[in-house]
Amino acid sequence: MATVRSRDHNAFRSRWEDRLWLNVPGPFYGGETDTCWTGRLAAPAHVLYGGEYLTEYVYRQPGTPAETAVLVDAAGDDPFGGYGCDGDSRWTPEAVREWWRNRGQVLQYLSDQRSTWDESDAAQGQDIAAAVRDFESYIGGGLASDLQIYLYWLEKRQSPDPGDRLPEL
């Protein structure tokens, strides 16, 4: 789906095994990133903070070259090299469907952390609470369609044409 130039690969040194469970399936993911909250400065529509140490994760995969560029910038700003871009070779259709089936855990996590985000927003000057609401809305809305397109990509290694039937989640 997304392409990353070879020179940008230096920003992507995370190991698949280290990715945070909150990452939305796709080529990009956050693993053991720093905890300095820099990812949203570069890619506010794609990156959130979570897990035990509030590391960065990708809650919305890029859909355009411009969106890919800001996510590459976020990865480049991470001093730990904690982002990965090899998701297309790691995600399987079964794993994508499993993530989707377990989306309720993601929604519960977001709900449980809401008060923390509200407090952190004031301290950090980032509207994380708005991004959490965006992620929740995305899960309830367009994410299913995006994941079906991603499943098509994983199965056929090409983007679907408008008349193509998309796989079931």
N, C-alpha and C. Protein backbone atom coordinates (compact mmCIF):
# COMPACT_ATOMS: atom_id res chain seq x y z
N MET A 1 0.82 -1.18 0.00
CA MET A 1 0.00 0.00 0.00
C MET A 1 0.87 1.25 0.00
N ALA A 2 1.55 1.53 1.09
CA ALA A 2 2.40 2.71 1.16
C ALA A 2 3.82 2.31 0.79
N THR A 3 4.54 3.24 0.21
CA THR A 3 5.93 2.95 -0.12
C THR A 3 6.83 3.90 0.67
N VAL A 4 7.95 3.38 1.10
CA VAL A 4 8.92 4.16 1.84
C VAL A 4 10.23 4.08 1.08
N ARG A 5 10.81 5.25 0.82
CA ARG A 5 12.10 5.29 0.12
C ARG A 5 13.18 4.65 0.98
N SER A 6 14.18 4.10 0.34
CA SER A 6 15.21 3.38 1.09
C SER A 6 15.91 4.27 2.11
N ARG A 7 16.11 5.53 1.80
CA ARG A 7 16.79 6.40 2.78
C ARG A 7 15.94 6.61 4.03
N ASP A 8 14.62 6.45 3.92
CA ASP A 8 13.74 6.61 5.06
C ASP A 8 13.75 5.39 5.97
N HIS A 9 14.27 4.27 5.51
CA HIS A 9 14.26 3.05 6.31
C HIS A 9 15.09 3.20 7.58
N ASN A 10 16.03 4.12 7.62
CA ASN A 10 16.81 4.32 8.83
C ASN A 10 15.94 4.73 10.01
N ALA A 11 14.79 5.34 9.72
CA ALA A 11 13.88 5.76 10.77
C ALA A 11 13.06 4.59 11.30
N PHE A 12 13.07 3.47 10.61
CA PHE A 12 12.23 2.32 10.94
C PHE A 12 13.09 1.14 11.37
N ARG A 13 13.34 1.06 12.68
CA ARG A 13 14.21 -0.01 13.18
C ARG A 13 13.50 -0.90 14.19
N SER A 14 12.20 -0.71 14.36
CA SER A 14 11.49 -1.51 15.35
C SER A 14 11.39 -2.96 14.91
N ARG A 15 11.28 -3.81 15.90
CA ARG A 15 11.05 -5.23 15.65
C ARG A 15 9.55 -5.50 15.76
N TRP A 16 9.04 -6.32 14.86
CA TRP A 16 7.62 -6.68 14.84
C TRP A 16 7.16 -7.17 16.22
N GLU A 17 7.99 -7.93 16.89
CA GLU A 17 7.64 -8.48 18.19
C GLU A 17 7.43 -7.40 19.24
N ASP A 18 7.96 -6.20 19.01
CA ASP A 18 7.85 -5.11 19.98
C ASP A 18 6.68 -4.17 19.72
N ARG A 19 5.92 -4.41 18.65
CA ARG A 19 4.84 -3.49 18.32
C ARG A 19 3.78 -3.49 19.41
N LEU A 20 3.20 -2.35 19.61
CA LEU A 20 2.14 -2.20 20.60
C LEU A 20 0.84 -2.74 20.05
N TRP A 21 0.09 -3.45 20.84
CA TRP A 21 -1.15 -4.11 20.42
C TRP A 21 -2.20 -3.13 19.91
N LEU A 22 -2.08 -1.87 20.23
CA LEU A 22 -3.05 -0.86 19.82
C LEU A 22 -2.89 -0.44 18.35
N ASN A 23 -1.77 -0.72 17.73
CA ASN A 23 -1.54 -0.33 16.34
C ASN A 23 -2.61 -0.91 15.43
N VAL A 24 -3.16 -0.06 14.57
CA VAL A 24 -4.11 -0.51 13.56
C VAL A 24 -3.33 -1.29 12.49
N PRO A 25 -3.85 -2.42 12.02
CA PRO A 25 -3.15 -3.18 10.99
C PRO A 25 -2.81 -2.33 9.76
N GLY A 26 -1.63 -2.54 9.26
CA GLY A 26 -1.14 -1.83 8.09
C GLY A 26 0.37 -1.88 8.05
N PRO A 27 0.97 -1.18 7.11
CA PRO A 27 2.42 -1.27 6.95
C PRO A 27 3.21 -0.65 8.10
N PHE A 28 2.66 0.35 8.77
CA PHE A 28 3.41 1.09 9.79
C PHE A 28 2.92 0.73 11.19
N TYR A 29 3.85 0.76 12.14
CA TYR A 29 3.49 0.49 13.54
C TYR A 29 4.54 1.10 14.46
N GLY A 30 4.11 1.35 15.68
CA GLY A 30 5.02 1.79 16.73
C GLY A 30 5.32 0.63 17.65
N GLY A 31 6.55 0.55 18.08
CA GLY A 31 6.97 -0.49 19.01
C GLY A 31 7.52 0.13 20.27
N GLU A 32 8.79 -0.06 20.49
CA GLU A 32 9.43 0.52 21.67
C GLU A 32 9.96 1.90 21.31
N THR A 33 9.04 2.86 21.28
CA THR A 33 9.40 4.24 20.97
C THR A 33 9.76 4.97 22.24
N ASP A 34 10.22 6.21 22.08
CA ASP A 34 10.49 7.03 23.26
C ASP A 34 9.16 7.39 23.93
N THR A 35 9.24 8.02 25.05
CA THR A 35 8.04 8.44 25.76
C THR A 35 8.00 9.97 25.87
N CYS A 36 8.60 10.64 24.91
CA CYS A 36 8.68 12.10 24.94
C CYS A 36 7.52 12.78 24.22
N TRP A 37 6.62 12.00 23.67
CA TRP A 37 5.42 12.51 23.02
C TRP A 37 5.74 13.39 21.82
N THR A 38 6.60 12.92 20.95
CA THR A 38 6.95 13.69 19.76
C THR A 38 6.17 13.27 18.52
N GLY A 39 5.65 12.05 18.49
CA GLY A 39 5.00 11.53 17.29
C GLY A 39 3.82 12.34 16.81
N ARG A 40 2.98 12.80 17.73
CA ARG A 40 1.80 13.59 17.34
C ARG A 40 2.18 14.97 16.85
N LEU A 41 3.35 15.45 17.20
CA LEU A 41 3.77 16.76 16.69
C LEU A 41 3.95 16.70 15.18
N ALA A 42 4.44 15.58 14.67
CA ALA A 42 4.64 15.41 13.23
C ALA A 42 3.42 14.83 12.54
N ALA A 43 2.73 13.90 13.19
CA ALA A 43 1.62 13.17 12.55
C ALA A 43 0.42 13.08 13.48
N PRO A 44 -0.22 14.20 13.78
CA PRO A 44 -1.32 14.18 14.76
C PRO A 44 -2.54 13.36 14.33
N ALA A 45 -2.74 13.15 13.06
CA ALA A 45 -3.90 12.38 12.60
C ALA A 45 -3.59 10.89 12.48
N HIS A 46 -2.39 10.49 12.93
CA HIS A 46 -1.97 9.09 12.75
C HIS A 46 -1.38 8.45 14.00
N VAL A 47 -0.89 9.25 14.93
CA VAL A 47 -0.14 8.72 16.06
C VAL A 47 -0.84 9.05 17.38
N LEU A 48 -0.88 8.06 18.26
CA LEU A 48 -1.34 8.24 19.64
C LEU A 48 -0.32 7.61 20.58
N TYR A 49 -0.54 7.78 21.86
CA TYR A 49 0.35 7.25 22.89
C TYR A 49 -0.42 6.24 23.73
N GLY A 50 0.22 5.12 24.05
CA GLY A 50 -0.48 4.13 24.84
C GLY A 50 0.43 3.07 25.40
N GLY A 51 -0.19 2.11 26.04
CA GLY A 51 0.54 1.04 26.66
C GLY A 51 1.05 1.46 28.03
N GLU A 52 1.81 0.58 28.62
CA GLU A 52 2.29 0.81 29.98
C GLU A 52 3.14 2.07 30.10
N TYR A 53 3.95 2.36 29.08
CA TYR A 53 4.87 3.49 29.16
C TYR A 53 4.49 4.64 28.23
N LEU A 54 3.26 4.61 27.72
CA LEU A 54 2.77 5.65 26.80
C LEU A 54 3.70 5.83 25.60
N THR A 55 4.05 4.71 24.99
CA THR A 55 4.84 4.77 23.76
C THR A 55 3.91 5.08 22.59
N GLU A 56 4.49 5.35 21.44
CA GLU A 56 3.72 5.79 20.28
C GLU A 56 3.21 4.60 19.47
N TYR A 57 2.01 4.75 18.93
CA TYR A 57 1.45 3.73 18.05
C TYR A 57 0.67 4.41 16.94
N VAL A 58 0.47 3.68 15.85
CA VAL A 58 -0.22 4.19 14.67
C VAL A 58 -1.68 3.81 14.77
N TYR A 59 -2.54 4.81 14.94
CA TYR A 59 -3.97 4.53 15.04
C TYR A 59 -4.70 4.73 13.72
N ARG A 60 -4.05 5.35 12.77
CA ARG A 60 -4.62 5.51 11.43
C ARG A 60 -3.48 5.40 10.43
N GLN A 61 -3.56 4.39 9.57
CA GLN A 61 -2.53 4.20 8.55
C GLN A 61 -2.65 5.33 7.51
N PRO A 62 -1.53 5.74 6.94
CA PRO A 62 -1.59 6.79 5.91
C PRO A 62 -2.28 6.30 4.65
N GLY A 63 -2.98 7.21 3.98
CA GLY A 63 -3.68 6.86 2.75
C GLY A 63 -3.20 7.62 1.54
N THR A 64 -2.32 8.59 1.75
CA THR A 64 -1.80 9.40 0.66
C THR A 64 -0.28 9.55 0.84
N PRO A 65 0.41 9.97 -0.21
CA PRO A 65 1.86 10.23 -0.05
C PRO A 65 2.15 11.30 1.01
N ALA A 66 1.32 12.33 1.11
CA ALA A 66 1.54 13.37 2.11
C ALA A 66 1.38 12.81 3.52
N GLU A 67 0.38 11.95 3.72
CA GLU A 67 0.19 11.33 5.03
C GLU A 67 1.34 10.38 5.35
N THR A 68 1.83 9.67 4.35
CA THR A 68 2.98 8.80 4.56
C THR A 68 4.19 9.63 4.98
N ALA A 69 4.38 10.78 4.35
CA ALA A 69 5.53 11.64 4.66
C ALA A 69 5.49 12.11 6.11
N VAL A 70 4.33 12.48 6.64
CA VAL A 70 4.28 12.95 8.02
C VAL A 70 4.53 11.80 9.00
N LEU A 71 4.10 10.60 8.63
CA LEU A 71 4.37 9.44 9.49
C LEU A 71 5.86 9.10 9.46
N VAL A 72 6.48 9.22 8.31
CA VAL A 72 7.94 9.03 8.21
C VAL A 72 8.65 10.07 9.06
N ASP A 73 8.15 11.30 9.06
CA ASP A 73 8.74 12.34 9.91
C ASP A 73 8.61 11.97 11.39
N ALA A 74 7.43 11.48 11.79
CA ALA A 74 7.25 11.06 13.18
C ALA A 74 8.24 9.97 13.54
N ALA A 75 8.41 9.00 12.65
CA ALA A 75 9.37 7.92 12.90
C ALA A 75 10.79 8.47 12.98
N GLY A 76 11.12 9.40 12.11
CA GLY A 76 12.45 9.99 12.11
C GLY A 76 12.75 10.79 13.36
N ASP A 77 11.71 11.32 14.00
CA ASP A 77 11.90 12.10 15.23
C ASP A 77 12.06 11.22 16.46
N ASP A 78 11.80 9.94 16.34
CA ASP A 78 11.89 9.04 17.49
C ASP A 78 13.34 8.61 17.69
N PRO A 79 13.97 9.01 18.79
CA PRO A 79 15.38 8.67 18.98
C PRO A 79 15.64 7.18 19.20
N PHE A 80 14.60 6.41 19.54
CA PHE A 80 14.79 4.97 19.75
C PHE A 80 14.63 4.17 18.47
N GLY A 81 14.22 4.81 17.37
CA GLY A 81 13.97 4.06 16.14
C GLY A 81 12.89 3.03 16.35
N GLY A 82 11.87 3.40 17.10
CA GLY A 82 10.86 2.46 17.54
C GLY A 82 9.69 2.24 16.60
N TYR A 83 9.77 2.77 15.40
CA TYR A 83 8.71 2.53 14.41
C TYR A 83 9.16 1.45 13.44
N GLY A 84 8.17 0.74 12.90
CA GLY A 84 8.43 -0.26 11.88
C GLY A 84 7.60 0.03 10.65
N CYS A 85 8.07 -0.43 9.49
CA CYS A 85 7.33 -0.23 8.24
C CYS A 85 7.23 -1.53 7.44
N ASP A 86 7.39 -2.65 8.13
CA ASP A 86 7.34 -3.94 7.44
C ASP A 86 6.05 -4.70 7.72
N GLY A 87 5.01 -3.97 8.09
CA GLY A 87 3.73 -4.61 8.41
C GLY A 87 3.14 -5.40 7.26
N ASP A 88 3.35 -4.95 6.03
CA ASP A 88 2.80 -5.67 4.88
C ASP A 88 3.36 -7.08 4.77
N SER A 89 4.55 -7.30 5.26
CA SER A 89 5.13 -8.64 5.21
C SER A 89 4.88 -9.41 6.51
N ARG A 90 4.26 -8.77 7.49
CA ARG A 90 4.02 -9.40 8.78
C ARG A 90 2.55 -9.72 9.04
N TRP A 91 1.67 -8.77 8.69
CA TRP A 91 0.24 -9.00 8.91
C TRP A 91 -0.25 -10.09 7.97
N THR A 92 -1.08 -10.95 8.48
CA THR A 92 -1.77 -11.94 7.66
C THR A 92 -3.25 -11.60 7.67
N PRO A 93 -4.00 -12.08 6.69
CA PRO A 93 -5.44 -11.84 6.75
C PRO A 93 -6.07 -12.32 8.06
N GLU A 94 -5.63 -13.45 8.56
CA GLU A 94 -6.17 -13.98 9.82
C GLU A 94 -5.85 -13.04 10.98
N ALA A 95 -4.64 -12.49 11.02
CA ALA A 95 -4.25 -11.59 12.10
C ALA A 95 -5.03 -10.27 12.03
N VAL A 96 -5.28 -9.78 10.83
CA VAL A 96 -6.08 -8.56 10.68
C VAL A 96 -7.50 -8.81 11.19
N ARG A 97 -8.06 -9.93 10.82
CA ARG A 97 -9.42 -10.26 11.28
C ARG A 97 -9.46 -10.44 12.80
N GLU A 98 -8.42 -11.03 13.36
CA GLU A 98 -8.36 -11.18 14.81
C GLU A 98 -8.28 -9.82 15.49
N TRP A 99 -7.45 -8.90 14.97
CA TRP A 99 -7.37 -7.56 15.54
C TRP A 99 -8.76 -6.91 15.51
N TRP A 100 -9.46 -7.05 14.39
CA TRP A 100 -10.79 -6.47 14.25
C TRP A 100 -11.77 -7.08 15.26
N ARG A 101 -11.72 -8.39 15.42
CA ARG A 101 -12.61 -9.04 16.40
C ARG A 101 -12.35 -8.54 17.81
N ASN A 102 -11.11 -8.18 18.10
CA ASN A 102 -10.71 -7.73 19.44
C ASN A 102 -10.72 -6.21 19.59
N ARG A 103 -11.32 -5.51 18.65
CA ARG A 103 -11.33 -4.05 18.71
C ARG A 103 -12.01 -3.52 19.97
N GLY A 104 -12.89 -4.32 20.56
CA GLY A 104 -13.53 -3.91 21.81
C GLY A 104 -12.52 -3.67 22.91
N GLN A 105 -11.43 -4.41 22.93
CA GLN A 105 -10.36 -4.18 23.91
C GLN A 105 -9.70 -2.84 23.69
N VAL A 106 -9.53 -2.46 22.43
CA VAL A 106 -8.95 -1.15 22.12
C VAL A 106 -9.89 -0.05 22.60
N LEU A 107 -11.17 -0.20 22.29
CA LEU A 107 -12.15 0.80 22.72
C LEU A 107 -12.21 0.89 24.24
N GLN A 108 -12.14 -0.23 24.93
CA GLN A 108 -12.15 -0.21 26.39
C GLN A 108 -10.91 0.50 26.93
N TYR A 109 -9.76 0.21 26.33
CA TYR A 109 -8.51 0.88 26.74
C TYR A 109 -8.65 2.40 26.58
N LEU A 110 -9.15 2.82 25.44
CA LEU A 110 -9.31 4.26 25.20
C LEU A 110 -10.25 4.88 26.22
N SER A 111 -11.34 4.22 26.51
CA SER A 111 -12.29 4.70 27.49
C SER A 111 -11.66 4.79 28.88
N ASP A 112 -10.92 3.75 29.26
CA ASP A 112 -10.29 3.72 30.57
C ASP A 112 -9.24 4.81 30.74
N GLN A 113 -8.60 5.21 29.65
CA GLN A 113 -7.52 6.19 29.73
C GLN A 113 -7.98 7.64 29.53
N ARG A 114 -9.24 7.84 29.30
CA ARG A 114 -9.72 9.17 28.94
C ARG A 114 -9.35 10.25 29.96
N SER A 115 -9.48 9.99 31.25
CA SER A 115 -9.14 11.01 32.25
C SER A 115 -7.65 11.31 32.24
N THR A 116 -6.83 10.29 32.00
CA THR A 116 -5.39 10.51 31.90
C THR A 116 -5.08 11.42 30.72
N TRP A 117 -5.76 11.20 29.60
CA TRP A 117 -5.50 12.03 28.42
C TRP A 117 -5.90 13.48 28.70
N ASP A 118 -7.03 13.69 29.35
CA ASP A 118 -7.47 15.05 29.63
C ASP A 118 -6.44 15.79 30.48
N GLU A 119 -5.91 15.13 31.50
CA GLU A 119 -4.88 15.74 32.34
C GLU A 119 -3.59 15.97 31.56
N SER A 120 -3.20 15.01 30.76
CA SER A 120 -1.96 15.11 30.00
C SER A 120 -2.02 16.20 28.94
N ASP A 121 -3.20 16.38 28.35
CA ASP A 121 -3.35 17.41 27.33
C ASP A 121 -2.95 18.78 27.87
N ALA A 122 -3.40 19.08 29.07
CA ALA A 122 -3.09 20.38 29.66
C ALA A 122 -1.59 20.51 29.89
N ALA A 123 -0.97 19.43 30.33
CA ALA A 123 0.47 19.48 30.63
C ALA A 123 1.32 19.51 29.37
N GLN A 124 0.91 18.81 28.33
CA GLN A 124 1.73 18.67 27.13
C GLN A 124 1.35 19.60 25.99
N GLY A 125 0.20 20.24 26.07
CA GLY A 125 -0.22 21.12 24.98
C GLY A 125 -0.63 20.37 23.73
N GLN A 126 -1.00 19.09 23.85
CA GLN A 126 -1.46 18.29 22.71
C GLN A 126 -2.89 17.85 22.98
N ASP A 127 -3.71 17.92 21.97
CA ASP A 127 -5.12 17.55 22.14
C ASP A 127 -5.28 16.05 21.92
N ILE A 128 -4.77 15.28 22.85
CA ILE A 128 -4.83 13.83 22.76
C ILE A 128 -6.26 13.35 22.91
N ALA A 129 -7.02 14.00 23.76
CA ALA A 129 -8.41 13.59 23.96
C ALA A 129 -9.18 13.65 22.64
N ALA A 130 -8.92 14.67 21.83
CA ALA A 130 -9.59 14.76 20.52
C ALA A 130 -9.13 13.62 19.61
N ALA A 131 -7.87 13.26 19.67
CA ALA A 131 -7.38 12.15 18.85
C ALA A 131 -7.98 10.83 19.33
N VAL A 132 -8.16 10.67 20.63
CA VAL A 132 -8.80 9.46 21.15
C VAL A 132 -10.23 9.37 20.62
N ARG A 133 -10.94 10.48 20.65
CA ARG A 133 -12.31 10.49 20.10
C ARG A 133 -12.28 10.19 18.60
N ASP A 134 -11.28 10.71 17.89
CA ASP A 134 -11.15 10.42 16.46
C ASP A 134 -10.92 8.93 16.24
N PHE A 135 -10.06 8.31 17.04
CA PHE A 135 -9.79 6.88 16.91
C PHE A 135 -11.05 6.08 17.20
N GLU A 136 -11.76 6.43 18.26
CA GLU A 136 -13.00 5.73 18.59
C GLU A 136 -14.01 5.84 17.44
N SER A 137 -14.11 7.03 16.89
CA SER A 137 -15.03 7.26 15.77
C SER A 137 -14.58 6.46 14.54
N TYR A 138 -13.31 6.42 14.31
CA TYR A 138 -12.75 5.67 13.18
C TYR A 138 -13.05 4.18 13.32
N ILE A 139 -12.89 3.65 14.53
CA ILE A 139 -13.21 2.24 14.76
C ILE A 139 -14.68 1.99 14.47
N GLY A 140 -15.54 2.92 14.86
CA GLY A 140 -16.97 2.76 14.65
C GLY A 140 -17.42 3.10 13.25
N GLY A 141 -16.53 3.70 12.44
CA GLY A 141 -16.91 4.14 11.11
C GLY A 141 -16.07 3.55 10.01
N GLY A 142 -15.11 4.32 9.51
CA GLY A 142 -14.37 3.98 8.30
C GLY A 142 -13.30 2.92 8.41
N LEU A 143 -12.92 2.53 9.62
CA LEU A 143 -11.84 1.56 9.75
C LEU A 143 -12.19 0.22 9.12
N ALA A 144 -13.42 -0.24 9.26
CA ALA A 144 -13.80 -1.54 8.69
C ALA A 144 -13.53 -1.56 7.19
N SER A 145 -13.93 -0.51 6.50
CA SER A 145 -13.71 -0.43 5.06
C SER A 145 -12.23 -0.39 4.74
N ASP A 146 -11.47 0.40 5.50
CA ASP A 146 -10.02 0.47 5.27
C ASP A 146 -9.36 -0.89 5.48
N LEU A 147 -9.81 -1.62 6.49
CA LEU A 147 -9.23 -2.95 6.73
C LEU A 147 -9.62 -3.94 5.64
N GLN A 148 -10.81 -3.81 5.08
CA GLN A 148 -11.18 -4.67 3.96
C GLN A 148 -10.28 -4.39 2.75
N ILE A 149 -9.99 -3.13 2.50
CA ILE A 149 -9.07 -2.77 1.42
C ILE A 149 -7.68 -3.32 1.71
N TYR A 150 -7.27 -3.24 2.97
CA TYR A 150 -5.96 -3.77 3.35
C TYR A 150 -5.93 -5.29 3.19
N LEU A 151 -7.00 -5.96 3.54
CA LEU A 151 -7.07 -7.41 3.33
C LEU A 151 -6.94 -7.75 1.84
N TYR A 152 -7.60 -6.97 1.00
CA TYR A 152 -7.49 -7.18 -0.45
C TYR A 152 -6.02 -7.05 -0.85
N TRP A 153 -5.37 -6.01 -0.34
CA TRP A 153 -3.95 -5.78 -0.63
C TRP A 153 -3.10 -6.98 -0.18
N LEU A 154 -3.33 -7.45 1.03
CA LEU A 154 -2.54 -8.58 1.54
C LEU A 154 -2.74 -9.84 0.70
N GLU A 155 -3.97 -10.06 0.25
CA GLU A 155 -4.26 -11.27 -0.51
C GLU A 155 -3.81 -11.19 -1.96
N LYS A 156 -3.90 -10.02 -2.58
CA LYS A 156 -3.63 -9.91 -4.02
C LYS A 156 -2.43 -9.04 -4.37
N ARG A 157 -1.90 -8.32 -3.38
CA ARG A 157 -0.76 -7.41 -3.58
C ARG A 157 -1.04 -6.36 -4.66
N GLN A 158 -2.28 -5.90 -4.67
CA GLN A 158 -2.67 -4.79 -5.54
C GLN A 158 -3.86 -4.11 -4.90
N SER A 159 -4.05 -2.86 -5.25
CA SER A 159 -5.20 -2.12 -4.74
C SER A 159 -6.45 -2.54 -5.50
N PRO A 160 -7.58 -2.55 -4.81
CA PRO A 160 -8.82 -2.95 -5.51
C PRO A 160 -9.30 -1.87 -6.46
N ASP A 161 -9.93 -2.29 -7.53
CA ASP A 161 -10.64 -1.38 -8.43
C ASP A 161 -12.02 -1.14 -7.85
N PRO A 162 -12.69 -0.07 -8.26
CA PRO A 162 -14.00 0.25 -7.68
C PRO A 162 -15.01 -0.90 -7.72
N GLY A 163 -15.01 -1.73 -8.72
CA GLY A 163 -15.99 -2.82 -8.81
C GLY A 163 -15.57 -4.12 -8.15
N ASP A 164 -14.35 -4.18 -7.62
CA ASP A 164 -13.87 -5.42 -7.01
C ASP A 164 -14.58 -5.70 -5.69
N ARG A 165 -14.84 -6.96 -5.46
CA ARG A 165 -15.44 -7.37 -4.19
C ARG A 165 -14.35 -7.44 -3.13
N LEU A 166 -14.61 -6.79 -2.00
CA LEU A 166 -13.63 -6.77 -0.91
C LEU A 166 -13.84 -7.96 0.01
N PRO A 167 -12.76 -8.45 0.60
CA PRO A 167 -12.87 -9.59 1.53
C PRO A 167 -13.70 -9.20 2.77
N GLU A 168 -14.28 -10.21 3.37
CA GLU A 168 -15.02 -10.01 4.63
C GLU A 168 -14.04 -9.88 5.78
N LEU A 169 -14.43 -9.08 6.76
CA LEU A 169 -13.65 -8.98 7.98
C LEU A 169 -14.06 -10.12 8.89
